[in-house]
Amino acid sequence: MKPWMLPIFAGALLAVSACGSNDTDRAVSGGAMGAGLGLVAGPVGAVVGGAAGATAGALTNEEQIDLGEPVWR
């Protein structure tokens, strides 16, 4: 990945992070996106990013972040 791509990728992930209509959907999508972004930093980054994304997704509610139904539904 080119260095200039990281801010674009990070911004795109933050824009759609933790989307879903229930806690589980937000935790799963947040964890997956956090792991994907963290993978840029390596395997440890993927674990940390996944944990942070899942936590953020689980702690939000539908009124705070509502981007519609997740793709897998």
C-alpha atoms as a PDB file:
ATOM      1  CA  MET A   1       0.000   0.000   0.000  1.00  0.00           C
ATOM      2  CA  LYS A   2       1.228   3.462  -0.867  1.00  0.00           C
ATOM      3  CA  PRO A   3       1.686   5.817   2.100  1.00  0.00           C
ATOM      4  CA  TRP A   4      -0.759   8.365   0.687  1.00  0.00           C
ATOM      5  CA  MET A   5      -3.515   5.725   0.617  1.00  0.00           C
ATOM      6  CA  LEU A   6      -3.620   5.238   4.406  1.00  0.00           C
ATOM      7  CA  PRO A   7      -5.515   8.463   5.253  1.00  0.00           C
ATOM      8  CA  ILE A   8      -8.033   7.765   2.498  1.00  0.00           C
ATOM      9  CA  PHE A   9      -8.525   4.186   3.694  1.00  0.00           C
ATOM     10  CA  ALA A  10      -8.784   5.297   7.330  1.00  0.00           C
ATOM     11  CA  GLY A  11     -11.319   7.979   6.467  1.00  0.00           C
ATOM     12  CA  ALA A  12     -13.457   5.555   4.491  1.00  0.00           C
ATOM     13  CA  LEU A  13     -13.437   3.053   7.328  1.00  0.00           C
ATOM     14  CA  LEU A  14     -14.328   5.673   9.904  1.00  0.00           C
ATOM     15  CA  ALA A  15     -17.177   6.885   7.728  1.00  0.00           C
ATOM     16  CA  VAL A  16     -18.860   3.469   7.784  1.00  0.00           C
ATOM     17  CA  SER A  17     -17.548   2.083  11.053  1.00  0.00           C
ATOM     18  CA  ALA A  18     -19.953   0.456  13.436  1.00  0.00           C
ATOM     19  CA  CYS A  19     -22.936   0.465  11.109  1.00  0.00           C
ATOM     20  CA  GLY A  20     -25.846  -1.802  11.905  1.00  0.00           C
ATOM     21  CA  SER A  21     -29.157  -1.891  13.670  1.00  0.00           C
ATOM     22  CA  ASN A  22     -28.164  -3.779  16.820  1.00  0.00           C
ATOM     23  CA  ASP A  23     -25.176  -4.119  19.141  1.00  0.00           C
ATOM     24  CA  THR A  24     -23.957  -7.331  17.530  1.00  0.00           C
ATOM     25  CA  ASP A  25     -23.998  -5.901  13.999  1.00  0.00           C
ATOM     26  CA  ARG A  26     -22.075  -2.836  15.110  1.00  0.00           C
ATOM     27  CA  ALA A  27     -19.537  -4.891  17.074  1.00  0.00           C
ATOM     28  CA  VAL A  28     -18.932  -7.260  14.131  1.00  0.00           C
ATOM     29  CA  SER A  29     -18.642  -4.522  11.517  1.00  0.00           C
ATOM     30  CA  GLY A  30     -16.513  -2.325  13.776  1.00  0.00           C
ATOM     31  CA  GLY A  31     -14.222  -5.242  14.614  1.00  0.00           C
ATOM     32  CA  ALA A  32     -13.809  -6.240  10.977  1.00  0.00           C
ATOM     33  CA  MET A  33     -13.024  -2.721   9.843  1.00  0.00           C
ATOM     34  CA  GLY A  34     -10.683  -2.106  12.762  1.00  0.00           C
ATOM     35  CA  ALA A  35      -8.810  -5.317  12.008  1.00  0.00           C
ATOM     36  CA  GLY A  36      -8.555  -4.381   8.343  1.00  0.00           C
ATOM     37  CA  LEU A  37      -7.117  -0.987   9.122  1.00  0.00           C
ATOM     38  CA  GLY A  38      -4.851  -2.395  11.830  1.00  0.00           C
ATOM     39  CA  LEU A  39      -3.476  -4.975   9.430  1.00  0.00           C
ATOM     40  CA  VAL A  40      -1.620  -2.157   7.712  1.00  0.00           C
ATOM     41  CA  ALA A  41       0.547  -1.994  10.847  1.00  0.00           C
ATOM     42  CA  GLY A  42       0.978  -5.772  10.981  1.00  0.00           C
ATOM     43  CA  PRO A  43      -0.583  -8.738  12.789  1.00  0.00           C
ATOM     44  CA  VAL A  44      -0.495  -7.079  16.210  1.00  0.00           C
ATOM     45  CA  GLY A  45      -2.129  -3.999  14.717  1.00  0.00           C
ATOM     46  CA  ALA A  46      -4.923  -6.168  13.329  1.00  0.00           C
ATOM     47  CA  VAL A  47      -5.643  -7.592  16.772  1.00  0.00           C
ATOM     48  CA  VAL A  48      -5.578  -4.193  18.458  1.00  0.00           C
ATOM     49  CA  GLY A  49      -7.624  -2.571  15.676  1.00  0.00           C
ATOM     50  CA  GLY A  50     -10.168  -5.367  15.733  1.00  0.00           C
ATOM     51  CA  ALA A  51     -10.592  -5.115  19.488  1.00  0.00           C
ATOM     52  CA  ALA A  52     -10.915  -1.336  19.368  1.00  0.00           C
ATOM     53  CA  GLY A  53     -13.415  -1.466  16.503  1.00  0.00           C
ATOM     54  CA  ALA A  54     -15.533  -4.146  18.170  1.00  0.00           C
ATOM     55  CA  THR A  55     -15.559  -2.212  21.425  1.00  0.00           C
ATOM     56  CA  ALA A  56     -16.548   1.015  19.707  1.00  0.00           C
ATOM     57  CA  GLY A  57     -19.284  -0.774  17.798  1.00  0.00           C
ATOM     58  CA  ALA A  58     -20.672  -2.462  20.894  1.00  0.00           C
ATOM     59  CA  LEU A  59     -20.703   0.764  22.914  1.00  0.00           C
ATOM     60  CA  THR A  60     -22.629   2.809  20.355  1.00  0.00           C
ATOM     61  CA  ASN A  61     -26.362   2.750  19.909  1.00  0.00           C
ATOM     62  CA  GLU A  62     -28.502   2.998  16.801  1.00  0.00           C
ATOM     63  CA  GLU A  63     -29.298   6.682  17.325  1.00  0.00           C
ATOM     64  CA  GLN A  64     -25.605   7.622  17.456  1.00  0.00           C
ATOM     65  CA  ILE A  65     -24.612   5.817  14.252  1.00  0.00           C
ATOM     66  CA  ASP A  66     -27.244   4.640  11.798  1.00  0.00           C
ATOM     67  CA  LEU A  67     -26.125   4.006   8.246  1.00  0.00           C
ATOM     68  CA  GLY A  68     -28.823   1.456   7.471  1.00  0.00           C
ATOM     69  CA  GLU A  69     -28.902  -2.304   7.320  1.00  0.00           C
ATOM     70  CA  PRO A  70     -25.566  -4.113   7.084  1.00  0.00           C
ATOM     71  CA  VAL A  71     -24.650  -5.744   3.796  1.00  0.00           C
ATOM     72  CA  TRP A  72     -24.965  -9.264   5.213  1.00  0.00           C
ATOM     73  CA  ARG A  73     -28.665  -8.857   6.090  1.00  0.00           C
END
